[in-house]
Amino acid sequence: MTKYNSIGKLVATFGVGGELVLRHELGKKTSLKGLETIFIEDKKDEMLPYFIEATRVKSEQEIFLKLENINTKEAAQKLTQKQIWLEEQAFHQYAGKSAPISLLGFHIIDNGTDIGEILEVIEQPHQVLARIDLDGKEALIPIHQETLLKMDKKKKQIEVDLPDGLLDIFR
């Protein structure tokens, strides 16, 4: 089964020709040059491919995106506020190495125990929250200077020292 990672969402239309503005969390300025396909989740776990006609950089976190067969402002408007996904291989190619979003797929280790894989990264002003599945329930784990002990990119592991009782809140 193909694995997908969310990179951001379509936040607005631009002009009358069907161009869209993609706000991304890739951690670096990019035009997604060479990328042919993005995916939008139509129904739960059902990704629809959209083929890219053209892209250009708008700012550090935004890209103008022109998709095939989306030729009017009205057609583009229907896609605004939709999450954009890339296949895992393409995601790793375009995500900045130091961007918090690049932690997707890493496992969080607390006191030598693997507590789960990072499914989503939520950036906040003073910390990053990692969403994991903890015993079948959603848990948000803070990752910041005080909790982060070590990061092993080869093993895809993040060692943390979580405050006592934090995980009990989610169980």
N, C-alpha and C. Protein backbone atom coordinates (compact mmCIF):
# COMPACT_ATOMS: atom_id res chain seq x y z
N MET A 1 0.84 -1.19 0.00
CA MET A 1 0.00 0.00 0.00
C MET A 1 0.89 1.25 0.00
N THR A 2 0.57 2.19 -0.83
CA THR A 2 1.33 3.43 -0.92
C THR A 2 1.08 4.28 0.32
N LYS A 3 2.16 4.85 0.84
CA LYS A 3 2.05 5.70 2.02
C LYS A 3 2.14 7.16 1.56
N TYR A 4 1.29 8.01 2.14
CA TYR A 4 1.25 9.43 1.77
C TYR A 4 1.55 10.29 2.98
N ASN A 5 2.15 11.45 2.73
CA ASN A 5 2.41 12.43 3.78
C ASN A 5 1.82 13.77 3.36
N SER A 6 1.15 14.42 4.30
CA SER A 6 0.56 15.72 4.04
C SER A 6 1.65 16.79 4.06
N ILE A 7 1.59 17.71 3.10
CA ILE A 7 2.59 18.79 3.06
C ILE A 7 1.98 20.16 3.32
N GLY A 8 0.66 20.25 3.35
CA GLY A 8 0.01 21.53 3.55
C GLY A 8 -1.37 21.52 2.94
N LYS A 9 -1.89 22.73 2.65
CA LYS A 9 -3.21 22.76 2.03
C LYS A 9 -3.36 23.92 1.05
N LEU A 10 -4.35 23.76 0.19
CA LEU A 10 -4.67 24.80 -0.79
C LEU A 10 -5.46 25.88 -0.06
N VAL A 11 -4.94 27.09 -0.04
CA VAL A 11 -5.55 28.14 0.78
C VAL A 11 -6.33 29.19 -0.01
N ALA A 12 -6.09 29.27 -1.31
CA ALA A 12 -6.77 30.31 -2.09
C ALA A 12 -6.65 30.03 -3.58
N THR A 13 -7.47 30.75 -4.35
CA THR A 13 -7.32 30.73 -5.80
C THR A 13 -6.53 31.98 -6.18
N PHE A 14 -6.00 31.99 -7.40
CA PHE A 14 -5.26 33.15 -7.87
C PHE A 14 -5.62 33.37 -9.33
N GLY A 15 -6.12 34.53 -9.63
CA GLY A 15 -6.48 34.86 -11.00
C GLY A 15 -7.74 34.13 -11.43
N VAL A 16 -8.00 34.17 -12.74
CA VAL A 16 -9.23 33.57 -13.28
C VAL A 16 -8.96 32.28 -14.06
N GLY A 17 -7.70 31.88 -14.15
CA GLY A 17 -7.33 30.71 -14.95
C GLY A 17 -7.25 29.40 -14.19
N GLY A 18 -7.69 29.39 -12.93
CA GLY A 18 -7.68 28.14 -12.17
C GLY A 18 -6.44 27.90 -11.35
N GLU A 19 -5.58 28.91 -11.21
CA GLU A 19 -4.38 28.74 -10.39
C GLU A 19 -4.76 28.72 -8.91
N LEU A 20 -4.00 27.95 -8.13
CA LEU A 20 -4.24 27.82 -6.69
C LEU A 20 -2.99 28.22 -5.92
N VAL A 21 -3.19 28.56 -4.64
CA VAL A 21 -2.07 28.85 -3.75
C VAL A 21 -1.97 27.71 -2.75
N LEU A 22 -0.82 27.04 -2.75
CA LEU A 22 -0.54 25.96 -1.81
C LEU A 22 0.35 26.49 -0.69
N ARG A 23 -0.15 26.43 0.55
CA ARG A 23 0.68 26.78 1.71
C ARG A 23 1.24 25.47 2.26
N HIS A 24 2.57 25.35 2.22
CA HIS A 24 3.22 24.08 2.59
C HIS A 24 4.06 24.21 3.86
N GLU A 25 4.41 23.07 4.42
CA GLU A 25 5.24 23.00 5.62
C GLU A 25 6.54 22.27 5.33
N LEU A 26 7.05 22.39 4.13
CA LEU A 26 8.24 21.64 3.73
C LEU A 26 9.53 22.19 4.34
N GLY A 27 9.47 23.38 4.92
CA GLY A 27 10.63 23.92 5.63
C GLY A 27 11.67 24.57 4.75
N LYS A 28 11.37 24.72 3.48
CA LYS A 28 12.30 25.42 2.59
C LYS A 28 11.54 25.96 1.40
N LYS A 29 12.12 26.96 0.76
CA LYS A 29 11.51 27.55 -0.43
C LYS A 29 11.64 26.54 -1.56
N THR A 30 10.53 26.24 -2.21
CA THR A 30 10.55 25.26 -3.28
C THR A 30 9.45 25.55 -4.28
N SER A 31 9.67 25.11 -5.51
CA SER A 31 8.61 25.22 -6.52
C SER A 31 8.07 23.83 -6.86
N LEU A 32 8.57 22.81 -6.15
CA LEU A 32 8.21 21.41 -6.41
C LEU A 32 8.59 21.01 -7.84
N LYS A 33 9.66 21.61 -8.35
CA LYS A 33 10.12 21.34 -9.71
C LYS A 33 10.35 19.84 -9.90
N GLY A 34 9.81 19.32 -10.97
CA GLY A 34 9.98 17.90 -11.29
C GLY A 34 8.86 17.02 -10.75
N LEU A 35 8.07 17.55 -9.83
CA LEU A 35 6.95 16.77 -9.29
C LEU A 35 5.81 16.78 -10.30
N GLU A 36 5.27 15.61 -10.59
CA GLU A 36 4.21 15.52 -11.59
C GLU A 36 2.83 15.40 -10.99
N THR A 37 2.72 14.84 -9.77
CA THR A 37 1.42 14.53 -9.20
C THR A 37 1.33 14.91 -7.73
N ILE A 38 0.20 15.50 -7.35
CA ILE A 38 -0.14 15.68 -5.94
C ILE A 38 -1.40 14.87 -5.69
N PHE A 39 -1.73 14.66 -4.43
CA PHE A 39 -2.91 13.88 -4.10
C PHE A 39 -3.79 14.64 -3.13
N ILE A 40 -5.10 14.49 -3.32
CA ILE A 40 -6.08 15.07 -2.42
C ILE A 40 -6.95 13.93 -1.92
N GLU A 41 -7.16 13.89 -0.59
CA GLU A 41 -7.97 12.83 0.00
C GLU A 41 -9.44 13.11 -0.29
N ASP A 42 -10.03 12.28 -1.14
CA ASP A 42 -11.43 12.44 -1.53
C ASP A 42 -12.34 11.90 -0.42
N LYS A 43 -12.11 10.68 -0.04
CA LYS A 43 -12.80 10.04 1.08
C LYS A 43 -11.73 9.48 1.99
N LYS A 44 -12.09 9.04 3.17
CA LYS A 44 -11.12 8.51 4.13
C LYS A 44 -10.25 7.45 3.46
N ASP A 45 -8.94 7.68 3.48
CA ASP A 45 -7.95 6.76 2.90
C ASP A 45 -8.09 6.53 1.40
N GLU A 46 -8.72 7.45 0.67
CA GLU A 46 -8.86 7.34 -0.78
C GLU A 46 -8.26 8.59 -1.42
N MET A 47 -7.08 8.44 -1.98
CA MET A 47 -6.36 9.57 -2.55
C MET A 47 -6.61 9.70 -4.05
N LEU A 48 -6.98 10.91 -4.48
CA LEU A 48 -7.17 11.19 -5.90
C LEU A 48 -5.94 11.94 -6.42
N PRO A 49 -5.36 11.47 -7.53
CA PRO A 49 -4.21 12.17 -8.09
C PRO A 49 -4.64 13.39 -8.91
N TYR A 50 -3.88 14.45 -8.79
CA TYR A 50 -4.04 15.65 -9.62
C TYR A 50 -2.70 15.91 -10.27
N PHE A 51 -2.72 16.11 -11.57
CA PHE A 51 -1.48 16.29 -12.30
C PHE A 51 -1.11 17.76 -12.40
N ILE A 52 0.15 18.04 -12.16
CA ILE A 52 0.64 19.42 -12.11
C ILE A 52 1.00 19.89 -13.52
N GLU A 53 0.45 21.03 -13.88
CA GLU A 53 0.75 21.65 -15.17
C GLU A 53 1.92 22.62 -15.02
N ALA A 54 1.89 23.40 -13.94
CA ALA A 54 2.95 24.39 -13.71
C ALA A 54 2.97 24.79 -12.23
N THR A 55 4.14 25.21 -11.78
CA THR A 55 4.29 25.72 -10.42
C THR A 55 5.25 26.90 -10.46
N ARG A 56 5.12 27.77 -9.47
CA ARG A 56 6.10 28.84 -9.28
C ARG A 56 6.05 29.27 -7.82
N VAL A 57 7.18 29.70 -7.33
CA VAL A 57 7.31 30.10 -5.93
C VAL A 57 6.59 31.42 -5.70
N LYS A 58 5.81 31.48 -4.64
CA LYS A 58 5.18 32.73 -4.23
C LYS A 58 5.96 33.32 -3.06
N SER A 59 6.28 32.47 -2.05
CA SER A 59 7.04 32.91 -0.89
C SER A 59 7.71 31.68 -0.26
N GLU A 60 8.31 31.86 0.88
CA GLU A 60 9.00 30.78 1.59
C GLU A 60 8.07 29.58 1.84
N GLN A 61 6.79 29.86 2.11
CA GLN A 61 5.86 28.79 2.46
C GLN A 61 4.70 28.64 1.48
N GLU A 62 4.73 29.35 0.36
CA GLU A 62 3.61 29.27 -0.57
C GLU A 62 4.08 29.10 -2.01
N ILE A 63 3.26 28.35 -2.76
CA ILE A 63 3.54 28.07 -4.17
C ILE A 63 2.27 28.33 -4.97
N PHE A 64 2.43 28.94 -6.15
CA PHE A 64 1.32 29.01 -7.10
C PHE A 64 1.32 27.67 -7.82
N LEU A 65 0.14 27.07 -7.95
CA LEU A 65 0.02 25.73 -8.49
C LEU A 65 -1.07 25.71 -9.56
N LYS A 66 -0.73 25.22 -10.74
CA LYS A 66 -1.71 25.07 -11.83
C LYS A 66 -1.85 23.58 -12.09
N LEU A 67 -3.08 23.08 -11.94
CA LEU A 67 -3.36 21.66 -12.13
C LEU A 67 -4.07 21.42 -13.45
N GLU A 68 -3.81 20.25 -14.04
CA GLU A 68 -4.47 19.88 -15.30
C GLU A 68 -5.99 19.85 -15.12
N ASN A 69 -6.71 20.32 -16.11
CA ASN A 69 -8.18 20.31 -16.14
C ASN A 69 -8.84 21.20 -15.09
N ILE A 70 -8.09 22.02 -14.41
CA ILE A 70 -8.65 23.03 -13.50
C ILE A 70 -8.35 24.36 -14.17
N ASN A 71 -9.33 24.85 -14.97
CA ASN A 71 -9.08 25.99 -15.83
C ASN A 71 -9.88 27.24 -15.51
N THR A 72 -10.70 27.18 -14.46
CA THR A 72 -11.48 28.35 -14.07
C THR A 72 -11.33 28.59 -12.58
N LYS A 73 -11.61 29.82 -12.21
CA LYS A 73 -11.55 30.17 -10.78
C LYS A 73 -12.56 29.33 -10.00
N GLU A 74 -13.72 29.06 -10.58
CA GLU A 74 -14.77 28.30 -9.90
C GLU A 74 -14.32 26.85 -9.65
N ALA A 75 -13.68 26.24 -10.63
CA ALA A 75 -13.17 24.87 -10.48
C ALA A 75 -12.09 24.82 -9.40
N ALA A 76 -11.24 25.83 -9.40
CA ALA A 76 -10.17 25.90 -8.40
C ALA A 76 -10.74 26.13 -7.01
N GLN A 77 -11.78 26.93 -6.91
CA GLN A 77 -12.40 27.26 -5.62
C GLN A 77 -12.87 25.99 -4.89
N LYS A 78 -13.32 25.00 -5.65
CA LYS A 78 -13.80 23.74 -5.05
C LYS A 78 -12.69 22.96 -4.36
N LEU A 79 -11.44 23.26 -4.70
CA LEU A 79 -10.30 22.55 -4.10
C LEU A 79 -9.69 23.30 -2.91
N THR A 80 -10.09 24.55 -2.70
CA THR A 80 -9.49 25.30 -1.60
C THR A 80 -9.85 24.66 -0.26
N GLN A 81 -8.95 24.79 0.68
CA GLN A 81 -9.03 24.23 2.04
C GLN A 81 -8.84 22.71 2.07
N LYS A 82 -8.41 22.13 0.95
CA LYS A 82 -8.13 20.69 0.91
C LYS A 82 -6.66 20.45 1.25
N GLN A 83 -6.41 19.39 2.01
CA GLN A 83 -5.05 18.97 2.34
C GLN A 83 -4.39 18.40 1.09
N ILE A 84 -3.10 18.67 0.92
CA ILE A 84 -2.33 18.14 -0.20
C ILE A 84 -1.36 17.09 0.33
N TRP A 85 -1.31 15.99 -0.36
CA TRP A 85 -0.48 14.85 0.04
C TRP A 85 0.50 14.50 -1.07
N LEU A 86 1.66 14.00 -0.67
CA LEU A 86 2.64 13.46 -1.61
C LEU A 86 2.92 12.02 -1.24
N GLU A 87 3.28 11.22 -2.25
CA GLU A 87 3.73 9.87 -1.93
C GLU A 87 4.99 9.99 -1.09
N GLU A 88 5.22 9.03 -0.22
CA GLU A 88 6.31 9.12 0.75
C GLU A 88 7.67 9.40 0.11
N GLN A 89 7.98 8.75 -0.98
CA GLN A 89 9.27 8.96 -1.64
C GLN A 89 9.42 10.41 -2.11
N ALA A 90 8.40 10.96 -2.74
CA ALA A 90 8.44 12.35 -3.20
C ALA A 90 8.50 13.30 -2.02
N PHE A 91 7.78 12.97 -0.95
CA PHE A 91 7.78 13.81 0.25
C PHE A 91 9.20 14.00 0.77
N HIS A 92 9.95 12.91 0.90
CA HIS A 92 11.31 12.99 1.43
C HIS A 92 12.24 13.73 0.48
N GLN A 93 11.93 13.72 -0.80
CA GLN A 93 12.74 14.43 -1.78
C GLN A 93 12.56 15.95 -1.64
N TYR A 94 11.35 16.39 -1.31
CA TYR A 94 11.05 17.83 -1.28
C TYR A 94 11.08 18.45 0.12
N ALA A 95 10.97 17.66 1.18
CA ALA A 95 10.96 18.21 2.54
C ALA A 95 12.37 18.63 2.95
N GLY A 96 12.48 19.76 3.61
CA GLY A 96 13.76 20.23 4.13
C GLY A 96 14.25 19.29 5.23
N LYS A 97 15.54 19.00 5.25
CA LYS A 97 16.09 18.05 6.23
C LYS A 97 15.86 18.49 7.67
N SER A 98 15.87 19.80 7.92
CA SER A 98 15.70 20.29 9.29
C SER A 98 14.27 20.73 9.59
N ALA A 99 13.37 20.57 8.63
CA ALA A 99 11.98 20.96 8.83
C ALA A 99 11.30 19.98 9.78
N PRO A 100 10.50 20.49 10.72
CA PRO A 100 9.79 19.59 11.63
C PRO A 100 8.97 18.52 10.91
N ILE A 101 8.42 18.85 9.74
CA ILE A 101 7.60 17.89 9.00
C ILE A 101 8.42 16.67 8.57
N SER A 102 9.73 16.81 8.48
CA SER A 102 10.57 15.68 8.09
C SER A 102 10.63 14.60 9.17
N LEU A 103 10.03 14.86 10.34
CA LEU A 103 9.99 13.86 11.42
C LEU A 103 8.89 12.82 11.21
N LEU A 104 8.04 13.02 10.21
CA LEU A 104 6.98 12.03 9.94
C LEU A 104 7.62 10.66 9.72
N GLY A 105 7.04 9.64 10.36
CA GLY A 105 7.55 8.28 10.22
C GLY A 105 8.58 7.90 11.26
N PHE A 106 9.12 8.88 11.99
CA PHE A 106 10.06 8.58 13.07
C PHE A 106 9.29 7.94 14.23
N HIS A 107 9.99 7.17 15.04
CA HIS A 107 9.39 6.57 16.23
C HIS A 107 9.88 7.32 17.46
N ILE A 108 8.98 7.56 18.40
CA ILE A 108 9.33 8.26 19.64
C ILE A 108 9.69 7.22 20.69
N ILE A 109 10.85 7.39 21.29
CA ILE A 109 11.35 6.48 22.32
C ILE A 109 11.38 7.25 23.64
N ASP A 110 10.65 6.73 24.64
CA ASP A 110 10.62 7.34 25.98
C ASP A 110 11.10 6.29 26.98
N ASN A 111 12.20 6.58 27.66
CA ASN A 111 12.79 5.64 28.63
C ASN A 111 13.02 4.26 28.02
N GLY A 112 13.53 4.21 26.79
CA GLY A 112 13.84 2.96 26.13
C GLY A 112 12.65 2.24 25.51
N THR A 113 11.45 2.79 25.63
CA THR A 113 10.24 2.16 25.08
C THR A 113 9.74 2.93 23.87
N ASP A 114 9.48 2.19 22.79
CA ASP A 114 8.92 2.78 21.58
C ASP A 114 7.44 3.04 21.85
N ILE A 115 7.05 4.31 21.94
CA ILE A 115 5.65 4.62 22.25
C ILE A 115 4.81 4.88 21.00
N GLY A 116 5.43 4.96 19.82
CA GLY A 116 4.66 5.11 18.60
C GLY A 116 5.36 5.86 17.49
N GLU A 117 4.79 5.72 16.30
CA GLU A 117 5.30 6.39 15.11
C GLU A 117 4.62 7.76 14.97
N ILE A 118 5.38 8.76 14.56
CA ILE A 118 4.83 10.10 14.34
C ILE A 118 3.98 10.08 13.08
N LEU A 119 2.68 10.36 13.26
CA LEU A 119 1.72 10.34 12.16
C LEU A 119 1.45 11.73 11.61
N GLU A 120 1.66 12.76 12.46
CA GLU A 120 1.42 14.14 12.06
C GLU A 120 2.30 15.04 12.90
N VAL A 121 2.76 16.13 12.31
CA VAL A 121 3.57 17.11 13.02
C VAL A 121 2.79 18.42 13.06
N ILE A 122 2.60 18.95 14.27
CA ILE A 122 1.86 20.20 14.45
C ILE A 122 2.84 21.23 14.99
N GLU A 123 3.11 22.25 14.19
CA GLU A 123 4.06 23.28 14.61
C GLU A 123 3.35 24.36 15.41
N GLN A 124 3.92 24.69 16.58
CA GLN A 124 3.42 25.77 17.40
C GLN A 124 4.59 26.72 17.69
N PRO A 125 4.31 27.92 18.18
CA PRO A 125 5.39 28.89 18.35
C PRO A 125 6.59 28.41 19.18
N HIS A 126 6.36 27.69 20.28
CA HIS A 126 7.48 27.33 21.16
C HIS A 126 7.81 25.86 21.17
N GLN A 127 7.06 25.06 20.42
CA GLN A 127 7.32 23.62 20.40
C GLN A 127 6.67 22.98 19.19
N VAL A 128 7.03 21.75 18.99
CA VAL A 128 6.41 20.93 17.94
C VAL A 128 5.65 19.83 18.67
N LEU A 129 4.42 19.57 18.22
CA LEU A 129 3.65 18.46 18.77
C LEU A 129 3.65 17.33 17.75
N ALA A 130 3.93 16.13 18.22
CA ALA A 130 3.92 14.96 17.35
C ALA A 130 2.69 14.14 17.70
N ARG A 131 1.84 13.89 16.69
CA ARG A 131 0.66 13.06 16.94
C ARG A 131 1.04 11.61 16.69
N ILE A 132 0.75 10.77 17.68
CA ILE A 132 1.02 9.34 17.56
C ILE A 132 -0.25 8.57 17.94
N ASP A 133 -0.24 7.29 17.65
CA ASP A 133 -1.31 6.39 18.06
C ASP A 133 -0.78 5.64 19.27
N LEU A 134 -1.30 5.95 20.45
CA LEU A 134 -0.84 5.34 21.69
C LEU A 134 -1.92 4.39 22.20
N ASP A 135 -1.68 3.10 22.04
CA ASP A 135 -2.63 2.08 22.47
C ASP A 135 -4.02 2.32 21.89
N GLY A 136 -4.08 2.69 20.60
CA GLY A 136 -5.36 2.89 19.93
C GLY A 136 -5.99 4.25 20.14
N LYS A 137 -5.32 5.13 20.87
CA LYS A 137 -5.85 6.48 21.10
C LYS A 137 -4.84 7.51 20.59
N GLU A 138 -5.38 8.66 20.15
CA GLU A 138 -4.52 9.74 19.67
C GLU A 138 -3.82 10.40 20.85
N ALA A 139 -2.51 10.62 20.71
CA ALA A 139 -1.74 11.31 21.75
C ALA A 139 -0.88 12.38 21.09
N LEU A 140 -0.77 13.53 21.74
CA LEU A 140 0.08 14.61 21.25
C LEU A 140 1.29 14.72 22.17
N ILE A 141 2.46 14.48 21.60
CA ILE A 141 3.70 14.47 22.36
C ILE A 141 4.49 15.74 22.04
N PRO A 142 4.82 16.54 23.09
CA PRO A 142 5.60 17.76 22.83
C PRO A 142 7.07 17.43 22.57
N ILE A 143 7.61 18.06 21.55
CA ILE A 143 9.04 17.90 21.25
C ILE A 143 9.65 19.30 21.27
N HIS A 144 10.45 19.55 22.27
CA HIS A 144 11.15 20.84 22.38
C HIS A 144 12.43 20.62 23.17
N GLN A 145 13.17 21.68 23.44
CA GLN A 145 14.49 21.58 24.08
C GLN A 145 14.48 20.77 25.37
N GLU A 146 13.44 20.92 26.17
CA GLU A 146 13.43 20.26 27.47
C GLU A 146 13.10 18.77 27.40
N THR A 147 12.41 18.32 26.35
CA THR A 147 12.03 16.91 26.27
C THR A 147 12.91 16.11 25.30
N LEU A 148 13.51 16.76 24.32
CA LEU A 148 14.30 16.07 23.30
C LEU A 148 15.69 15.71 23.83
N LEU A 149 16.01 14.42 23.79
CA LEU A 149 17.33 13.97 24.24
C LEU A 149 18.26 13.70 23.06
N LYS A 150 17.75 12.97 22.06
CA LYS A 150 18.60 12.54 20.95
C LYS A 150 17.74 12.23 19.73
N MET A 151 18.29 12.49 18.55
CA MET A 151 17.60 12.17 17.31
C MET A 151 18.53 11.31 16.46
N ASP A 152 18.04 10.15 16.04
CA ASP A 152 18.82 9.25 15.20
C ASP A 152 18.12 9.14 13.85
N LYS A 153 18.65 9.87 12.86
CA LYS A 153 18.00 9.91 11.54
C LYS A 153 18.11 8.58 10.81
N LYS A 154 19.19 7.83 11.04
CA LYS A 154 19.34 6.54 10.36
C LYS A 154 18.32 5.53 10.88
N LYS A 155 18.13 5.47 12.18
CA LYS A 155 17.15 4.54 12.77
C LYS A 155 15.74 5.11 12.75
N LYS A 156 15.62 6.41 12.39
CA LYS A 156 14.34 7.12 12.40
C LYS A 156 13.71 7.06 13.79
N GLN A 157 14.51 7.46 14.79
CA GLN A 157 14.05 7.46 16.17
C GLN A 157 14.36 8.79 16.84
N ILE A 158 13.44 9.19 17.74
CA ILE A 158 13.64 10.39 18.54
C ILE A 158 13.53 9.96 20.00
N GLU A 159 14.61 10.16 20.75
CA GLU A 159 14.58 9.83 22.17
C GLU A 159 14.15 11.06 22.95
N VAL A 160 13.14 10.86 23.80
CA VAL A 160 12.61 11.97 24.60
C VAL A 160 12.56 11.58 26.07
N ASP A 161 12.51 12.58 26.92
CA ASP A 161 12.29 12.39 28.35
C ASP A 161 11.01 13.16 28.69
N LEU A 162 9.90 12.43 28.67
CA LEU A 162 8.61 13.07 28.89
C LEU A 162 8.32 13.24 30.37
N PRO A 163 7.60 14.30 30.74
CA PRO A 163 7.23 14.50 32.14
C PRO A 163 6.41 13.32 32.67
N ASP A 164 6.63 12.97 33.93
CA ASP A 164 5.88 11.88 34.55
C ASP A 164 4.39 12.12 34.43
N GLY A 165 3.66 11.09 34.05
CA GLY A 165 2.21 11.16 33.98
C GLY A 165 1.66 11.69 32.67
N LEU A 166 2.51 12.21 31.78
CA LEU A 166 2.00 12.77 30.51
C LEU A 166 1.26 11.72 29.69
N LEU A 167 1.87 10.54 29.54
CA LEU A 167 1.25 9.51 28.73
C LEU A 167 -0.04 8.97 29.36
N ASP A 168 -0.14 9.03 30.68
CA ASP A 168 -1.35 8.58 31.39
C ASP A 168 -2.57 9.39 31.00
N ILE A 169 -2.38 10.64 30.63
CA ILE A 169 -3.47 11.52 30.22
C ILE A 169 -4.17 10.94 28.98
N PHE A 170 -3.38 10.33 28.08
CA PHE A 170 -3.92 9.84 26.83
C PHE A 170 -4.44 8.40 26.89
N ARG A 171 -4.12 7.69 27.97
CA ARG A 171 -4.51 6.26 28.06
C ARG A 171 -5.87 6.10 28.65
